[in-house]
Protein backbone atom coordinates (compact mmCIF):
# COMPACT_ATOMS: atom_id res chain seq x y z
CA UNK A 1 0.06 0.25 0.21
CA UNK A 2 1.18 3.79 -0.36
CA UNK A 3 2.52 5.87 2.08
CA UNK A 4 0.49 8.61 2.69
CA UNK A 5 2.31 12.11 1.30
CA UNK A 6 3.20 13.56 4.93
CA UNK A 7 4.65 9.81 5.58
CA UNK A 8 7.09 10.09 2.27
CA UNK A 9 10.97 11.36 2.56
CA UNK A 10 13.18 12.79 0.34
CA UNK A 11 13.19 10.71 -2.37
CA UNK A 12 9.60 10.01 -2.57
CA UNK A 13 8.85 13.74 -2.35
CA UNK A 14 11.34 14.51 -5.97
CA UNK A 15 9.28 11.79 -7.08
CA UNK A 16 5.96 13.22 -6.38
CA UNK A 17 7.95 16.66 -7.80
CA UNK A 18 9.15 15.38 -11.27
CA UNK A 19 6.38 13.73 -12.33
CA UNK A 20 3.59 16.60 -11.68
CA UNK A 21 6.38 19.16 -12.87
CA UNK A 22 6.68 16.45 -15.72
CA UNK A 23 3.45 16.24 -16.93
CA UNK A 24 3.02 17.42 -20.98
CA UNK A 25 0.78 19.83 -19.42
CA UNK A 26 2.75 22.52 -17.50
CA UNK A 27 5.89 21.00 -20.00
CA UNK A 28 4.46 23.91 -22.29
CA UNK A 29 5.42 25.69 -20.49
CA UNK A 30 8.69 24.82 -20.17
CA UNK A 31 9.18 24.76 -16.46
CA UNK A 32 10.98 21.43 -16.09
CA UNK A 33 13.83 22.22 -18.10
CA UNK A 34 14.40 25.01 -15.35
CA UNK A 35 12.47 24.48 -11.70
CA UNK A 36 14.63 24.49 -9.25
CA UNK A 37 14.73 20.28 -7.82
CA UNK A 38 17.83 20.64 -5.57
CA UNK A 39 16.05 23.23 -3.15
CA UNK A 40 13.73 20.70 -2.61
CA UNK A 41 16.37 17.56 -2.37
CA UNK A 42 16.46 17.83 1.61
CA UNK A 43 12.12 18.26 2.02
CA UNK A 44 10.02 15.35 3.49
CA UNK A 45 6.18 14.69 2.99
CA UNK A 46 4.86 16.53 6.27
CA UNK A 47 7.49 19.57 5.43
CA UNK A 48 5.72 19.88 1.75
CA UNK A 49 2.83 19.90 3.39
CA UNK A 50 3.36 22.53 5.27
CA UNK A 51 5.12 25.03 1.83
CA UNK A 52 3.76 27.86 2.04
CA UNK A 53 3.84 30.94 -0.54
CA UNK A 54 6.81 33.45 0.96
CA UNK A 55 8.44 29.41 1.64
CA UNK A 56 8.86 29.58 -2.69
CA UNK A 57 9.84 33.66 -3.01
CA UNK A 58 12.23 31.18 -4.92
CA UNK A 59 10.13 31.20 -8.23
CA UNK A 60 8.15 33.08 -10.32
CA UNK A 61 4.26 33.37 -8.80
CA UNK A 62 2.50 31.36 -11.57
CA UNK A 63 5.41 28.37 -10.63
CA UNK A 64 5.21 28.32 -7.04
CA UNK A 65 0.69 29.02 -6.90
CA UNK A 66 0.62 25.52 -9.69
CA UNK A 67 3.32 23.91 -6.61
CA UNK A 68 1.14 25.26 -3.61
CA UNK A 69 -2.27 24.22 -5.58
CA UNK A 70 -0.49 20.62 -6.49
CA UNK A 71 0.34 20.26 -2.71
CA UNK A 72 -3.24 21.38 -1.12
CA UNK A 73 -4.82 18.69 -3.78
CA UNK A 74 -2.62 16.26 -1.09
CA UNK A 75 -4.02 16.78 1.58
CA UNK A 76 -7.68 16.75 3.06
CA UNK A 77 -9.95 19.13 2.95
CA UNK A 78 -12.04 17.56 5.81
CA UNK A 79 -11.61 15.99 9.44
CA UNK A 80 -15.18 13.64 7.61
CA UNK A 81 -14.25 10.53 5.65
CA UNK A 82 -13.84 11.11 2.45
CA UNK A 83 -15.80 8.93 -0.67
CA UNK A 84 -12.84 7.75 -2.88
CA UNK A 85 -11.14 6.91 0.09
CA UNK A 86 -14.23 4.97 1.29
CA UNK A 87 -14.88 3.40 -2.66
CA UNK A 88 -10.77 2.59 -2.09
CA UNK A 89 -11.11 1.26 1.41
CA UNK A 90 -14.31 -0.84 0.66
CA UNK A 91 -12.51 -2.20 -2.27
CA UNK A 92 -9.58 -3.64 -0.45
CA UNK A 93 -11.58 -5.09 2.77
CA UNK A 94 -15.18 -5.30 1.86
CA UNK A 95 -17.60 -4.15 5.16
CA UNK A 96 -19.23 -7.90 4.02
CA UNK A 97 -16.92 -10.54 2.70
CA UNK A 98 -18.94 -12.67 2.20
CA UNK A 99 -21.28 -10.26 -0.04
CA UNK A 100 -19.17 -7.32 -1.70
CA UNK A 101 -20.58 -4.40 -2.91
CA UNK A 102 -17.75 -3.66 -5.59
CA UNK A 103 -15.28 -5.71 -6.67
CA UNK A 104 -11.77 -4.64 -9.03
CA UNK A 105 -12.29 -5.27 -13.05
CA UNK A 106 -8.36 -4.70 -13.49
CA UNK A 107 -7.17 -4.60 -11.22
CA UNK A 108 -3.06 -3.46 -11.74
CA UNK A 109 -5.26 -0.20 -14.04
CA UNK A 110 -7.50 0.50 -11.40
CA UNK A 111 -11.23 -0.73 -12.44
CA UNK A 112 -13.13 -1.56 -10.07
CA UNK A 113 -17.41 -1.86 -10.45
CA UNK A 114 -20.63 -2.11 -8.64
CA UNK A 115 -21.71 -5.12 -8.73
CA UNK A 116 -25.57 -4.74 -9.50
CA UNK A 117 -28.28 -2.11 -8.89
CA UNK A 118 -29.07 -3.70 -5.86
CA UNK A 119 -24.67 -3.22 -4.38
CA UNK A 120 -25.36 0.65 -5.48
CA UNK A 121 -28.22 0.96 -3.14
CA UNK A 122 -26.39 -0.91 -0.21
CA UNK A 123 -22.60 1.71 -0.88
CA UNK A 124 -25.25 4.06 -0.38
CA UNK A 125 -26.47 3.33 2.53
CA UNK A 126 -23.79 2.51 4.02
CA UNK A 127 -21.66 5.90 2.41
CA UNK A 128 -24.09 7.76 3.70
CA UNK A 129 -23.75 6.40 6.99
CA UNK A 130 -20.79 7.23 7.42
CA UNK A 131 -21.31 10.92 6.64
CA UNK A 132 -24.30 10.79 9.45
CA UNK A 133 -27.06 11.24 6.56
CA UNK A 134 -30.22 8.78 5.95
CA UNK A 135 -31.29 10.17 2.57
CA UNK A 136 -28.14 8.62 0.94
CA UNK A 137 -29.22 7.32 -2.67
CA UNK A 138 -27.20 6.04 -5.51
CA UNK A 139 -27.99 8.97 -7.53
CA UNK A 140 -25.80 11.25 -5.22
CA UNK A 141 -22.87 8.67 -4.41
CA UNK A 142 -23.09 8.40 -8.05
CA UNK A 143 -22.70 12.82 -8.43
CA UNK A 144 -20.20 12.77 -6.07
CA UNK A 145 -18.23 10.43 -7.53
CA UNK A 146 -18.10 11.84 -10.44
CA UNK A 147 -16.81 15.64 -8.82
CA UNK A 148 -13.61 13.39 -8.44
CA UNK A 149 -13.31 13.54 -12.77
CA UNK A 150 -11.88 16.69 -13.12
CA UNK A 151 -8.79 16.25 -9.81
CA UNK A 152 -8.19 13.55 -11.42
CA UNK A 153 -8.27 10.99 -8.57
CA UNK A 154 -11.47 8.51 -10.08
CA UNK A 155 -12.17 7.92 -13.45
CA UNK A 156 -14.84 7.54 -15.85
CA UNK A 157 -14.86 4.12 -17.62
CA UNK A 158 -17.46 5.09 -20.71
CA UNK A 159 -20.71 3.61 -21.62
CA UNK A 160 -20.32 0.52 -18.50
CA UNK A 161 -22.68 0.70 -15.68
CA UNK A 162 -21.50 1.62 -12.65
CA UNK A 163 -17.67 1.09 -13.61
CA UNK A 164 -15.63 4.00 -12.40
CA UNK A 165 -11.12 3.96 -12.58
CA UNK A 166 -8.84 5.69 -9.95
CA UNK A 167 -7.01 8.33 -11.19
CA UNK A 168 -3.45 9.59 -10.89
CA UNK A 169 -3.88 11.18 -8.53
CA UNK A 170 -5.42 8.78 -5.84
CA UNK A 171 -3.48 6.53 -3.64
CA UNK A 172 -3.43 3.19 -1.73
CA UNK A 173 -4.62 1.22 -4.52
CA UNK A 174 -1.86 -0.23 -6.80
CA UNK A 175 -0.25 -3.21 -5.53
CA UNK A 176 3.36 -2.60 -5.04
CA UNK A 177 5.71 -5.03 -6.45
CA UNK A 178 7.48 -5.35 -2.35
CA UNK A 179 4.31 -7.13 -0.28
CA UNK A 180 4.36 -7.41 3.01
CA UNK A 181 4.22 -11.07 4.44
CA UNK A 182 1.63 -11.18 8.02
CA UNK A 183 1.38 -14.17 10.00
CA UNK A 184 -1.13 -14.16 12.00
């Protein structure tokens, strides 16, 4: 399972920075060639999450704003439950393992589906209970899921009902190359 950004060491921070800076939409602005990666060499994840605009005064304002937005995207906006994390956790550890509401379609690609209309209703009720909303429906749940599309946290799988894909900005769903074995 992937580590939380607050737990990243300096190498993980640099890898994240390289990924963010080298995205195609960013590369057009030629930020990659002149970005001072060396300034971030000793920064750990917790320090990254605490960056302020004044810490980035060596960058042009538009680059500093871009970086700060991406850093803010790493941190949850509220202390309450977060839907995409709830979905990820339910996939990995179903509340009812004998009758799970969701299943992986392609784990390596992050594609998953809600098993049926009945499962969609149950999942919405589970999310509603977690949020303290007894009126949660699948229509409301799917609308909330769609808000993640613009953030690249969850992606649409077109023309396939109840099917979604974790995007590049979501974490914790990927299979790691180093399995962790638990012995009881």
